[in-house]
Protein backbone atom coordinates (compact mmCIF):
# COMPACT_ATOMS: atom_id res chain seq x y z
CA UNK A 1 11.67 101.87 5.97
CA UNK A 2 8.21 100.50 6.37
CA UNK A 3 6.71 102.08 3.26
CA UNK A 4 3.16 100.97 4.01
CA UNK A 5 3.21 102.78 7.35
CA UNK A 6 4.87 105.84 5.78
CA UNK A 7 2.25 105.93 3.02
CA UNK A 8 -0.48 105.61 5.67
CA UNK A 9 0.98 108.65 7.44
CA UNK A 10 1.02 110.52 4.12
CA UNK A 11 -2.59 109.54 3.48
CA UNK A 12 -3.64 110.85 6.89
CA UNK A 13 -1.85 114.17 6.29
CA UNK A 14 -3.46 114.46 2.85
CA UNK A 15 -6.98 113.74 4.20
CA UNK A 16 -6.54 116.38 6.90
CA UNK A 17 -5.38 118.89 4.29
CA UNK A 18 -8.33 118.15 1.98
CA UNK A 19 -10.78 118.52 4.87
CA UNK A 20 -9.14 121.81 5.86
CA UNK A 21 -9.19 123.23 2.33
CA UNK A 22 -12.83 122.12 1.87
CA UNK A 23 -13.86 123.67 5.17
CA UNK A 24 -12.03 126.93 4.48
CA UNK A 25 -13.40 126.99 0.93
CA UNK A 26 -16.96 126.96 2.21
CA UNK A 27 -16.51 130.24 4.11
CA UNK A 28 -18.26 132.96 2.11
CA UNK A 29 -16.94 136.45 1.48
CA UNK A 30 -13.22 135.74 1.24
CA UNK A 31 -11.59 138.01 -1.38
CA UNK A 32 -8.60 135.83 -2.30
CA UNK A 33 -9.64 132.38 -1.05
CA UNK A 34 -6.64 130.41 -2.37
CA UNK A 35 -4.05 132.68 -0.77
CA UNK A 36 -5.92 132.95 2.54
CA UNK A 37 -6.59 129.20 2.66
CA UNK A 38 -2.93 128.47 1.97
CA UNK A 39 -1.78 130.81 4.74
CA UNK A 40 -4.03 129.04 7.25
CA UNK A 41 -3.02 125.61 5.96
CA UNK A 42 0.68 126.57 6.12
CA UNK A 43 0.31 126.74 9.90
CA UNK A 44 -1.98 123.73 10.24
CA UNK A 45 0.25 121.50 8.11
CA UNK A 46 2.89 121.70 10.83
CA UNK A 47 0.55 119.93 13.23
CA UNK A 48 -0.60 117.48 10.56
CA UNK A 49 3.00 116.62 9.71
CA UNK A 50 3.88 116.10 13.35
CA UNK A 51 0.88 113.78 13.69
CA UNK A 52 1.97 111.77 10.62
CA UNK A 53 5.55 111.52 11.90
CA UNK A 54 4.40 110.56 15.40
CA UNK A 55 2.27 107.75 13.99
CA UNK A 56 5.18 106.46 11.93
CA UNK A 57 7.81 106.70 14.65
CA UNK A 58 5.73 104.79 17.19
CA UNK A 59 7.12 101.58 15.70
CA UNK A 60 10.19 102.53 13.64
CA UNK A 61 12.70 104.89 15.23
CA UNK A 62 15.50 104.06 12.79
CA UNK A 63 14.25 105.96 9.74
CA UNK A 64 15.82 109.27 8.79
CA UNK A 65 13.35 112.15 9.08
CA UNK A 66 14.11 113.69 5.71
CA UNK A 67 13.39 110.43 3.92
CA UNK A 68 10.13 109.98 5.81
CA UNK A 69 9.14 113.59 5.09
CA UNK A 70 9.75 113.03 1.38
CA UNK A 71 7.66 109.83 1.36
CA UNK A 72 4.79 111.56 3.18
CA UNK A 73 4.93 114.50 0.75
CA UNK A 74 5.17 112.20 -2.28
CA UNK A 75 2.15 110.24 -1.05
CA UNK A 76 0.12 113.44 -0.77
CA UNK A 77 1.24 114.54 -4.25
CA UNK A 78 0.24 111.19 -5.79
CA UNK A 79 -3.16 111.48 -4.14
CA UNK A 80 -3.42 115.00 -5.55
CA UNK A 81 -2.77 113.59 -9.03
CA UNK A 82 -5.35 110.81 -8.61
CA UNK A 83 -8.08 112.57 -6.59
CA UNK A 84 -7.63 116.27 -5.82
CA UNK A 85 -7.05 117.59 -9.31
CA UNK A 86 -9.61 115.49 -11.22
CA UNK A 87 -12.40 115.78 -8.63
CA UNK A 88 -11.84 119.24 -7.13
CA UNK A 89 -9.58 121.37 -9.31
CA UNK A 90 -10.78 120.52 -12.83
CA UNK A 91 -14.49 120.98 -11.98
CA UNK A 92 -13.55 124.40 -10.55
CA UNK A 93 -11.99 125.38 -13.90
CA UNK A 94 -8.35 124.76 -13.02
CA UNK A 95 -5.94 122.20 -14.48
CA UNK A 96 -3.10 119.89 -13.57
CA UNK A 97 -0.70 122.52 -14.86
CA UNK A 98 -2.11 125.31 -12.73
CA UNK A 99 -2.21 123.07 -9.65
CA UNK A 100 1.32 121.70 -9.91
CA UNK A 101 2.96 124.97 -10.95
CA UNK A 102 1.55 126.83 -7.98
CA UNK A 103 4.33 128.06 -5.69
CA UNK A 104 1.89 127.75 -2.80
CA UNK A 105 1.69 123.97 -3.31
CA UNK A 106 5.46 123.63 -3.28
CA UNK A 107 5.69 125.83 -0.20
CA UNK A 108 3.33 123.41 1.59
CA UNK A 109 5.39 120.41 0.39
CA UNK A 110 8.53 122.08 1.75
CA UNK A 111 6.90 122.89 5.10
CA UNK A 112 5.62 119.32 5.42
CA UNK A 113 8.97 117.73 4.61
CA UNK A 114 10.96 120.05 6.87
CA UNK A 115 8.50 119.65 9.74
CA UNK A 116 8.91 115.87 9.65
CA UNK A 117 12.69 116.29 9.48
CA UNK A 118 12.77 118.74 12.41
CA UNK A 119 10.47 116.44 14.40
CA UNK A 120 12.93 113.61 13.78
CA UNK A 121 15.90 115.75 14.81
CA UNK A 122 14.25 116.99 18.02
CA UNK A 123 12.29 113.92 19.10
CA UNK A 124 13.65 110.76 17.53
CA UNK A 125 17.36 111.25 16.86
CA UNK A 126 17.87 112.95 20.21
CA UNK A 127 16.70 109.78 22.03
CA UNK A 128 19.61 107.82 20.55
CA UNK A 129 22.36 110.28 21.49
């Protein structure tokens, strides 16, 4: 696996997610902003994950999709530890604990990982059969 390229794909997915959450968070009048943002992002992350996988698989078709999905998700989680929580969550009155124990976060991680895996099954692996 080319980890640098996989991490780059994870970084791109993370940036798109941060931009989406920031944009959705600036919409006034939402009653439960976290839940509504997560629902919208749950659909958008599918496209973001496909974009990340497409960028990776342009040059390396031999990598298993589940492994790539896990690296992309892990990259986003590390960036959450280093940037999202200290610069966005803590100033808003939340903590590392509240961020990383949120079932919504883990649902997004699961969707991301499974989307990359399904992309690999349908687009990459199928080419070799």
